[in-house]
Amino acid sequence: YLLKVLKGQQPVPRKSVFGYLLEGNKNIPSTF
Protein backbone atom coordinates (compact mmCIF):
# COMPACT_ATOMS: atom_id res chain seq x y z
CA TYR A 1 0.00 0.00 0.00
CA LEU A 2 2.86 2.40 0.83
CA LEU A 3 4.38 1.93 -2.64
CA LYS A 4 0.99 2.33 -4.33
CA VAL A 5 0.54 5.67 -2.53
CA LEU A 6 4.05 6.74 -3.47
CA LYS A 7 3.46 5.95 -7.15
CA GLY A 8 0.07 7.66 -7.24
CA GLN A 9 -1.72 4.34 -7.82
CA GLN A 10 -3.72 4.64 -4.60
CA PRO A 11 -5.79 7.75 -3.84
CA VAL A 12 -5.03 9.09 -0.38
CA PRO A 13 -7.96 10.32 1.74
CA ARG A 14 -7.76 13.85 3.08
CA LYS A 15 -5.65 14.15 6.25
CA SER A 16 -4.37 10.61 5.70
CA VAL A 17 -1.43 9.47 7.82
CA PHE A 18 0.10 8.29 4.51
CA GLY A 19 0.14 11.84 3.13
CA TYR A 20 3.79 12.45 4.11
CA LEU A 21 4.84 10.18 1.24
CA LEU A 22 3.61 12.74 -1.29
CA GLU A 23 5.53 15.62 0.27
CA GLY A 24 9.11 16.71 -0.39
CA ASN A 25 12.09 15.01 1.22
CA LYS A 26 11.81 15.20 4.96
CA ASN A 27 14.69 15.62 7.37
CA ILE A 28 14.93 16.08 11.08
CA PRO A 29 13.99 19.55 12.41
CA SER A 30 16.67 22.11 11.60
CA THR A 31 16.69 23.29 15.21
CA PHE A 32 15.78 21.39 18.34
PDB file of all heavy atoms in Angstrom:
ATOM      1  N   TYR A   1       0.840  -1.206   0.000  1.00  0.00           N
ATOM      2  CA  TYR A   1       0.000   0.000   0.000  1.00  0.00           C
ATOM      3  C   TYR A   1       0.876   1.257   0.000  1.00  0.00           C
ATOM      4  O   TYR A   1       0.586   2.230  -0.705  1.00  0.00           O
ATOM      5  CB  TYR A   1      -0.924  -0.009   1.222  1.00  0.00           C
ATOM      6  CG  TYR A   1      -1.905   1.141   1.252  1.00  0.00           C
ATOM      7  CD1 TYR A   1      -3.118   1.059   0.584  1.00  0.00           C
ATOM      8  CD2 TYR A   1      -1.628   2.312   1.954  1.00  0.00           C
ATOM      9  CE1 TYR A   1      -4.029   2.106   0.610  1.00  0.00           C
ATOM     10  CE2 TYR A   1      -2.522   3.368   1.983  1.00  0.00           C
ATOM     11  CZ  TYR A   1      -3.722   3.262   1.309  1.00  0.00           C
ATOM     12  OH  TYR A   1      -4.614   4.310   1.324  1.00  0.00           O
ATOM     13  N   LEU A   2       1.956   1.244   0.782  1.00  0.00           N
ATOM     14  CA  LEU A   2       2.864   2.401   0.830  1.00  0.00           C
ATOM     15  C   LEU A   2       3.410   2.718  -0.561  1.00  0.00           C
ATOM     16  O   LEU A   2       3.458   3.890  -0.975  1.00  0.00           O
ATOM     17  CB  LEU A   2       4.022   2.107   1.786  1.00  0.00           C
ATOM     18  CG  LEU A   2       3.693   2.094   3.283  1.00  0.00           C
ATOM     19  CD1 LEU A   2       4.825   1.439   4.077  1.00  0.00           C
ATOM     20  CD2 LEU A   2       3.448   3.508   3.799  1.00  0.00           C
ATOM     21  N   LEU A   3       3.816   1.697  -1.305  1.00  0.00           N
ATOM     22  CA  LEU A   3       4.377   1.929  -2.637  1.00  0.00           C
ATOM     23  C   LEU A   3       3.311   2.379  -3.626  1.00  0.00           C
ATOM     24  O   LEU A   3       3.584   3.191  -4.524  1.00  0.00           O
ATOM     25  CB  LEU A   3       5.094   0.676  -3.146  1.00  0.00           C
ATOM     26  CG  LEU A   3       6.618   0.672  -2.871  1.00  0.00           C
ATOM     27  CD1 LEU A   3       6.924   0.768  -1.387  1.00  0.00           C
ATOM     28  CD2 LEU A   3       7.264  -0.575  -3.469  1.00  0.00           C
ATOM     29  N   LYS A   4       2.086   1.876  -3.464  1.00  0.00           N
ATOM     30  CA  LYS A   4       0.994   2.334  -4.330  1.00  0.00           C
ATOM     31  C   LYS A   4       0.711   3.827  -4.106  1.00  0.00           C
ATOM     32  O   LYS A   4       0.481   4.577  -5.053  1.00  0.00           O
ATOM     33  CB  LYS A   4      -0.266   1.515  -4.065  1.00  0.00           C
ATOM     34  CG  LYS A   4      -0.259   0.133  -4.674  1.00  0.00           C
ATOM     35  CD  LYS A   4      -1.596  -0.577  -4.434  1.00  0.00           C
ATOM     36  CE  LYS A   4      -1.632  -1.940  -5.115  1.00  0.00           C
ATOM     37  NZ  LYS A   4      -2.936  -2.619  -4.880  1.00  0.00           N
ATOM     38  N   VAL A   5       0.732   4.245  -2.839  1.00  0.00           N
ATOM     39  CA  VAL A   5       0.537   5.666  -2.530  1.00  0.00           C
ATOM     40  C   VAL A   5       1.660   6.493  -3.141  1.00  0.00           C
ATOM     41  O   VAL A   5       1.430   7.528  -3.771  1.00  0.00           O
ATOM     42  CB  VAL A   5       0.475   5.888  -1.002  1.00  0.00           C
ATOM     43  CG1 VAL A   5       0.519   7.378  -0.673  1.00  0.00           C
ATOM     44  CG2 VAL A   5      -0.788   5.255  -0.425  1.00  0.00           C
ATOM     45  N   LEU A   6       2.878   6.016  -2.975  1.00  0.00           N
ATOM     46  CA  LEU A   6       4.048   6.740  -3.469  1.00  0.00           C
ATOM     47  C   LEU A   6       4.001   6.916  -4.986  1.00  0.00           C
ATOM     48  O   LEU A   6       4.380   7.962  -5.526  1.00  0.00           O
ATOM     49  CB  LEU A   6       5.312   5.982  -3.063  1.00  0.00           C
ATOM     50  CG  LEU A   6       6.653   6.671  -3.312  1.00  0.00           C
ATOM     51  CD1 LEU A   6       6.740   7.988  -2.546  1.00  0.00           C
ATOM     52  CD2 LEU A   6       7.796   5.751  -2.893  1.00  0.00           C
ATOM     53  N   LYS A   7       3.507   5.895  -5.688  1.00  0.00           N
ATOM     54  CA  LYS A   7       3.458   5.945  -7.155  1.00  0.00           C
ATOM     55  C   LYS A   7       2.186   6.600  -7.685  1.00  0.00           C
ATOM     56  O   LYS A   7       1.998   6.681  -8.900  1.00  0.00           O
ATOM     57  CB  LYS A   7       3.560   4.519  -7.708  1.00  0.00           C
ATOM     58  CG  LYS A   7       4.889   3.836  -7.430  1.00  0.00           C
ATOM     59  CD  LYS A   7       4.868   2.391  -7.914  1.00  0.00           C
ATOM     60  CE  LYS A   7       6.177   1.693  -7.630  1.00  0.00           C
ATOM     61  NZ  LYS A   7       6.154   0.267  -8.047  1.00  0.00           N
ATOM     62  N   GLY A   8       1.310   7.041  -6.791  1.00  0.00           N
ATOM     63  CA  GLY A   8       0.066   7.660  -7.236  1.00  0.00           C
ATOM     64  C   GLY A   8      -0.972   6.668  -7.703  1.00  0.00           C
ATOM     65  O   GLY A   8      -1.974   7.052  -8.319  1.00  0.00           O
ATOM     66  N   GLN A   9      -0.769   5.379  -7.400  1.00  0.00           N
ATOM     67  CA  GLN A   9      -1.718   4.344  -7.820  1.00  0.00           C
ATOM     68  C   GLN A   9      -2.850   4.157  -6.816  1.00  0.00           C
ATOM     69  O   GLN A   9      -3.815   3.442  -7.095  1.00  0.00           O
ATOM     70  CB  GLN A   9      -0.981   3.006  -8.000  1.00  0.00           C
ATOM     71  CG  GLN A   9       0.082   3.030  -9.069  1.00  0.00           C
ATOM     72  CD  GLN A   9       0.946   1.771  -9.056  1.00  0.00           C
ATOM     73  OE1 GLN A   9       0.861   0.955  -8.145  1.00  0.00           O
ATOM     74  NE2 GLN A   9       1.779   1.628 -10.076  1.00  0.00           N
ATOM     75  N   GLN A  10      -2.720   4.772  -5.644  1.00  0.00           N
ATOM     76  CA  GLN A  10      -3.723   4.635  -4.596  1.00  0.00           C
ATOM     77  C   GLN A  10      -4.116   6.024  -4.105  1.00  0.00           C
ATOM     78  O   GLN A  10      -3.297   6.730  -3.520  1.00  0.00           O
ATOM     79  CB  GLN A  10      -3.169   3.812  -3.421  1.00  0.00           C
ATOM     80  CG  GLN A  10      -4.120   3.688  -2.237  1.00  0.00           C
ATOM     81  CD  GLN A  10      -5.365   2.899  -2.588  1.00  0.00           C
ATOM     82  OE1 GLN A  10      -5.304   1.765  -3.022  1.00  0.00           O
ATOM     83  NE2 GLN A  10      -6.528   3.520  -2.405  1.00  0.00           N
ATOM     84  N   PRO A  11      -5.358   6.441  -4.353  1.00  0.00           N
ATOM     85  CA  PRO A  11      -5.793   7.745  -3.843  1.00  0.00           C
ATOM     86  C   PRO A  11      -5.688   7.793  -2.322  1.00  0.00           C
ATOM     87  O   PRO A  11      -6.013   6.822  -1.635  1.00  0.00           O
ATOM     88  CB  PRO A  11      -7.255   7.833  -4.294  1.00  0.00           C
ATOM     89  CG  PRO A  11      -7.392   6.828  -5.391  1.00  0.00           C
ATOM     90  CD  PRO A  11      -6.418   5.735  -5.087  1.00  0.00           C
ATOM     91  N   VAL A  12      -5.212   8.940  -1.820  1.00  0.00           N
ATOM     92  CA  VAL A  12      -5.030   9.088  -0.377  1.00  0.00           C
ATOM     93  C   VAL A  12      -6.134   9.980   0.173  1.00  0.00           C
ATOM     94  O   VAL A  12      -6.307  11.109  -0.291  1.00  0.00           O
ATOM     95  CB  VAL A  12      -3.652   9.704  -0.058  1.00  0.00           C
ATOM     96  CG1 VAL A  12      -3.510   9.929   1.433  1.00  0.00           C
ATOM     97  CG2 VAL A  12      -2.552   8.787  -0.559  1.00  0.00           C
ATOM     98  N   PRO A  13      -6.915   9.471   1.140  1.00  0.00           N
ATOM     99  CA  PRO A  13      -7.965  10.316   1.735  1.00  0.00           C
ATOM    100  C   PRO A  13      -7.385  11.576   2.373  1.00  0.00           C
ATOM    101  O   PRO A  13      -6.209  11.609   2.757  1.00  0.00           O
ATOM    102  CB  PRO A  13      -8.579   9.403   2.812  1.00  0.00           C
ATOM    103  CG  PRO A  13      -8.209   8.012   2.406  1.00  0.00           C
ATOM    104  CD  PRO A  13      -6.890   8.120   1.708  1.00  0.00           C
ATOM    105  N   ARG A  14      -8.187  12.595   2.467  1.00  0.00           N
ATOM    106  CA  ARG A  14      -7.758  13.851   3.075  1.00  0.00           C
ATOM    107  C   ARG A  14      -7.307  13.619   4.511  1.00  0.00           C
ATOM    108  O   ARG A  14      -7.899  12.837   5.238  1.00  0.00           O
ATOM    109  CB  ARG A  14      -8.946  14.828   3.050  1.00  0.00           C
ATOM    110  CG  ARG A  14      -8.603  16.265   3.344  1.00  0.00           C
ATOM    111  CD  ARG A  14      -9.779  17.151   2.982  1.00  0.00           C
ATOM    112  NE  ARG A  14      -9.960  18.266   3.891  1.00  0.00           N
ATOM    113  CZ  ARG A  14     -10.515  18.188   5.088  1.00  0.00           C
ATOM    114  NH1 ARG A  14     -10.927  17.052   5.537  1.00  0.00           N
ATOM    115  NH2 ARG A  14     -10.671  19.250   5.850  1.00  0.00           N
ATOM    116  N   LYS A  15      -6.242  14.271   4.909  1.00  0.00           N
ATOM    117  CA  LYS A  15      -5.654  14.145   6.246  1.00  0.00           C
ATOM    118  C   LYS A  15      -5.187  12.715   6.544  1.00  0.00           C
ATOM    119  O   LYS A  15      -5.141  12.304   7.703  1.00  0.00           O
ATOM    120  CB  LYS A  15      -6.646  14.606   7.334  1.00  0.00           C
ATOM    121  CG  LYS A  15      -6.977  16.091   7.278  1.00  0.00           C
ATOM    122  CD  LYS A  15      -7.858  16.492   8.445  1.00  0.00           C
ATOM    123  CE  LYS A  15      -8.162  17.990   8.416  1.00  0.00           C
ATOM    124  NZ  LYS A  15      -9.045  18.394   9.532  1.00  0.00           N
ATOM    125  N   SER A  16      -4.855  11.985   5.515  1.00  0.00           N
ATOM    126  CA  SER A  16      -4.373  10.615   5.705  1.00  0.00           C
ATOM    127  C   SER A  16      -3.000  10.616   6.355  1.00  0.00           C
ATOM    128  O   SER A  16      -2.165  11.484   6.084  1.00  0.00           O
ATOM    129  CB  SER A  16      -4.297   9.894   4.357  1.00  0.00           C
ATOM    130  OG  SER A  16      -3.557   8.701   4.472  1.00  0.00           O
ATOM    131  N   VAL A  17      -2.742   9.607   7.200  1.00  0.00           N
ATOM    132  CA  VAL A  17      -1.432   9.474   7.824  1.00  0.00           C
ATOM    133  C   VAL A  17      -0.381   9.069   6.785  1.00  0.00           C
ATOM    134  O   VAL A  17       0.812   9.137   7.040  1.00  0.00           O
ATOM    135  CB  VAL A  17      -1.490   8.456   8.982  1.00  0.00           C
ATOM    136  CG1 VAL A  17      -1.586   7.036   8.438  1.00  0.00           C
ATOM    137  CG2 VAL A  17      -0.298   8.597   9.912  1.00  0.00           C
ATOM    138  N   PHE A  18      -0.826   8.654   5.592  1.00  0.00           N
ATOM    139  CA  PHE A  18       0.098   8.295   4.512  1.00  0.00           C
ATOM    140  C   PHE A  18       0.502   9.501   3.670  1.00  0.00           C
ATOM    141  O   PHE A  18       1.321   9.379   2.767  1.00  0.00           O
ATOM    142  CB  PHE A  18      -0.535   7.245   3.594  1.00  0.00           C
ATOM    143  CG  PHE A  18      -0.741   5.906   4.241  1.00  0.00           C
ATOM    144  CD1 PHE A  18      -1.871   5.638   4.992  1.00  0.00           C
ATOM    145  CD2 PHE A  18       0.203   4.893   4.101  1.00  0.00           C
ATOM    146  CE1 PHE A  18      -2.068   4.405   5.593  1.00  0.00           C
ATOM    147  CE2 PHE A  18       0.020   3.651   4.698  1.00  0.00           C
ATOM    148  CZ  PHE A  18      -1.114   3.401   5.448  1.00  0.00           C
ATOM    149  N   GLY A  19      -0.082  10.668   3.958  1.00  0.00           N
ATOM    150  CA  GLY A  19       0.144  11.844   3.128  1.00  0.00           C
ATOM    151  C   GLY A  19       1.591  12.299   3.070  1.00  0.00           C
ATOM    152  O   GLY A  19       2.007  12.924   2.078  1.00  0.00           O
ATOM    153  N   TYR A  20       2.390  12.005   4.079  1.00  0.00           N
ATOM    154  CA  TYR A  20       3.787  12.452   4.107  1.00  0.00           C
ATOM    155  C   TYR A  20       4.595  11.879   2.947  1.00  0.00           C
ATOM    156  O   TYR A  20       5.630  12.432   2.564  1.00  0.00           O
ATOM    157  CB  TYR A  20       4.445  12.051   5.438  1.00  0.00           C
ATOM    158  CG  TYR A  20       4.685  10.564   5.599  1.00  0.00           C
ATOM    159  CD1 TYR A  20       5.917   9.999   5.295  1.00  0.00           C
ATOM    160  CD2 TYR A  20       3.678   9.714   6.054  1.00  0.00           C
ATOM    161  CE1 TYR A  20       6.145   8.640   5.443  1.00  0.00           C
ATOM    162  CE2 TYR A  20       3.893   8.357   6.197  1.00  0.00           C
ATOM    163  CZ  TYR A  20       5.126   7.820   5.895  1.00  0.00           C
ATOM    164  OH  TYR A  20       5.339   6.469   6.029  1.00  0.00           O
ATOM    165  N   LEU A  21       4.111  10.787   2.353  1.00  0.00           N
ATOM    166  CA  LEU A  21       4.837  10.179   1.238  1.00  0.00           C
ATOM    167  C   LEU A  21       4.772  11.029  -0.027  1.00  0.00           C
ATOM    168  O   LEU A  21       5.595  10.881  -0.926  1.00  0.00           O
ATOM    169  CB  LEU A  21       4.270   8.789   0.945  1.00  0.00           C
ATOM    170  CG  LEU A  21       4.468   7.739   2.040  1.00  0.00           C
ATOM    171  CD1 LEU A  21       3.726   6.456   1.696  1.00  0.00           C
ATOM    172  CD2 LEU A  21       5.947   7.457   2.261  1.00  0.00           C
ATOM    173  N   LEU A  22       3.796  11.913  -0.100  1.00  0.00           N
ATOM    174  CA  LEU A  22       3.609  12.739  -1.288  1.00  0.00           C
ATOM    175  C   LEU A  22       4.215  14.124  -1.118  1.00  0.00           C
ATOM    176  O   LEU A  22       4.054  14.991  -1.984  1.00  0.00           O
ATOM    177  CB  LEU A  22       2.108  12.855  -1.602  1.00  0.00           C
ATOM    178  CG  LEU A  22       1.372  11.513  -1.771  1.00  0.00           C
ATOM    179  CD1 LEU A  22      -0.099  11.739  -2.066  1.00  0.00           C
ATOM    180  CD2 LEU A  22       2.017  10.681  -2.866  1.00  0.00           C
ATOM    181  N   GLU A  23       4.888  14.334   0.007  1.00  0.00           N
ATOM    182  CA  GLU A  23       5.531  15.621   0.268  1.00  0.00           C
ATOM    183  C   GLU A  23       7.012  15.538  -0.089  1.00  0.00           C
ATOM    184  O   GLU A  23       7.540  14.462  -0.366  1.00  0.00           O
ATOM    185  CB  GLU A  23       5.341  15.996   1.740  1.00  0.00           C
ATOM    186  CG  GLU A  23       3.861  16.127   2.148  1.00  0.00           C
ATOM    187  CD  GLU A  23       3.683  16.294   3.648  1.00  0.00           C
ATOM    188  OE1 GLU A  23       4.705  16.370   4.364  1.00  0.00           O
ATOM    189  OE2 GLU A  23       2.523  16.319   4.097  1.00  0.00           O
ATOM    190  N   GLY A  24       7.684  16.683  -0.080  1.00  0.00           N
ATOM    191  CA  GLY A  24       9.111  16.713  -0.390  1.00  0.00           C
ATOM    192  C   GLY A  24       9.927  15.959   0.632  1.00  0.00           C
ATOM    193  O   GLY A  24       9.425  15.572   1.698  1.00  0.00           O
ATOM    194  N   ASN A  25      11.203  15.748   0.314  1.00  0.00           N
ATOM    195  CA  ASN A  25      12.088  15.012   1.216  1.00  0.00           C
ATOM    196  C   ASN A  25      12.070  15.605   2.613  1.00  0.00           C
ATOM    197  O   ASN A  25      12.234  16.821   2.788  1.00  0.00           O
ATOM    198  CB  ASN A  25      13.519  15.025   0.687  1.00  0.00           C
ATOM    199  CG  ASN A  25      13.696  14.089  -0.485  1.00  0.00           C
ATOM    200  OD1 ASN A  25      12.827  13.259  -0.759  1.00  0.00           O
ATOM    201  ND2 ASN A  25      14.806  14.222  -1.185  1.00  0.00           N
ATOM    202  N   LYS A  26      11.874  14.737   3.576  1.00  0.00           N
ATOM    203  CA  LYS A  26      11.808  15.197   4.959  1.00  0.00           C
ATOM    204  C   LYS A  26      13.126  14.908   5.658  1.00  0.00           C
ATOM    205  O   LYS A  26      13.753  13.878   5.440  1.00  0.00           O
ATOM    206  CB  LYS A  26      10.667  14.504   5.695  1.00  0.00           C
ATOM    207  CG  LYS A  26       9.288  14.961   5.234  1.00  0.00           C
ATOM    208  CD  LYS A  26       8.203  14.361   6.087  1.00  0.00           C
ATOM    209  CE  LYS A  26       6.845  14.954   5.723  1.00  0.00           C
ATOM    210  NZ  LYS A  26       6.742  16.378   6.062  1.00  0.00           N
ATOM    211  N   ASN A  27      13.531  15.826   6.517  1.00  0.00           N
ATOM    212  CA  ASN A  27      14.688  15.623   7.367  1.00  0.00           C
ATOM    213  C   ASN A  27      14.296  15.954   8.788  1.00  0.00           C
ATOM    214  O   ASN A  27      13.177  16.408   9.056  1.00  0.00           O
ATOM    215  CB  ASN A  27      15.861  16.496   6.904  1.00  0.00           C
ATOM    216  CG  ASN A  27      16.510  15.936   5.652  1.00  0.00           C
ATOM    217  OD1 ASN A  27      17.039  14.839   5.660  1.00  0.00           O
ATOM    218  ND2 ASN A  27      16.443  16.697   4.562  1.00  0.00           N
ATOM    219  N   ILE A  28      15.216  15.744   9.692  1.00  0.00           N
ATOM    220  CA  ILE A  28      14.934  16.082  11.079  1.00  0.00           C
ATOM    221  C   ILE A  28      14.778  17.590  11.199  1.00  0.00           C
ATOM    222  O   ILE A  28      15.240  18.338  10.327  1.00  0.00           O
ATOM    223  CB  ILE A  28      16.067  15.586  12.005  1.00  0.00           C
ATOM    224  CG1 ILE A  28      17.381  16.273  11.632  1.00  0.00           C
ATOM    225  CG2 ILE A  28      16.179  14.083  11.952  1.00  0.00           C
ATOM    226  CD1 ILE A  28      18.456  16.099  12.655  1.00  0.00           C
ATOM    227  N   PRO A  29      14.127  18.100  12.243  1.00  0.00           N
ATOM    228  CA  PRO A  29      13.986  19.551  12.408  1.00  0.00           C
ATOM    229  C   PRO A  29      15.346  20.247  12.370  1.00  0.00           C
ATOM    230  O   PRO A  29      16.344  19.725  12.889  1.00  0.00           O
ATOM    231  CB  PRO A  29      13.328  19.677  13.786  1.00  0.00           C
ATOM    232  CG  PRO A  29      12.617  18.374  13.992  1.00  0.00           C
ATOM    233  CD  PRO A  29      13.456  17.338  13.305  1.00  0.00           C
ATOM    234  N   SER A  30      15.394  21.387  11.739  1.00  0.00           N
ATOM    235  CA  SER A  30      16.675  22.107  11.603  1.00  0.00           C
ATOM    236  C   SER A  30      17.196  22.584  12.951  1.00  0.00           C
ATOM    237  O   SER A  30      18.399  22.660  13.181  1.00  0.00           O
ATOM    238  CB  SER A  30      16.510  23.290  10.644  1.00  0.00           C
ATOM    239  OG  SER A  30      15.453  24.129  11.082  1.00  0.00           O
ATOM    240  N   THR A  31      16.290  22.907  13.852  1.00  0.00           N
ATOM    241  CA  THR A  31      16.694  23.293  15.214  1.00  0.00           C
ATOM    242  C   THR A  31      15.836  22.525  16.213  1.00  0.00           C
ATOM    243  O   THR A  31      14.642  22.322  15.992  1.00  0.00           O
ATOM    244  CB  THR A  31      16.508  24.804  15.451  1.00  0.00           C
ATOM    245  OG1 THR A  31      15.131  25.155  15.202  1.00  0.00           O
ATOM    246  CG2 THR A  31      17.415  25.608  14.526  1.00  0.00           C
ATOM    247  N   PHE A  32      16.476  22.098  17.274  1.00  0.00           N
ATOM    248  CA  PHE A  32      15.777  21.385  18.340  1.00  0.00           C
ATOM    249  C   PHE A  32      15.696  22.278  19.566  1.00  0.00           C
ATOM    250  O   PHE A  32      16.639  23.001  19.888  1.00  0.00           O
ATOM    251  CB  PHE A  32      16.539  20.115  18.737  1.00  0.00           C
ATOM    252  CG  PHE A  32      16.265  18.930  17.865  1.00  0.00           C
ATOM    253  CD1 PHE A  32      17.141  18.588  16.850  1.00  0.00           C
ATOM    254  CD2 PHE A  32      15.145  18.146  18.068  1.00  0.00           C
ATOM    255  CE1 PHE A  32      16.910  17.486  16.049  1.00  0.00           C
ATOM    256  CE2 PHE A  32      14.905  17.040  17.275  1.00  0.00           C
ATOM    257  CZ  PHE A  32      15.783  16.708  16.257  1.00  0.00           C
TER     258      PHE A  32
END
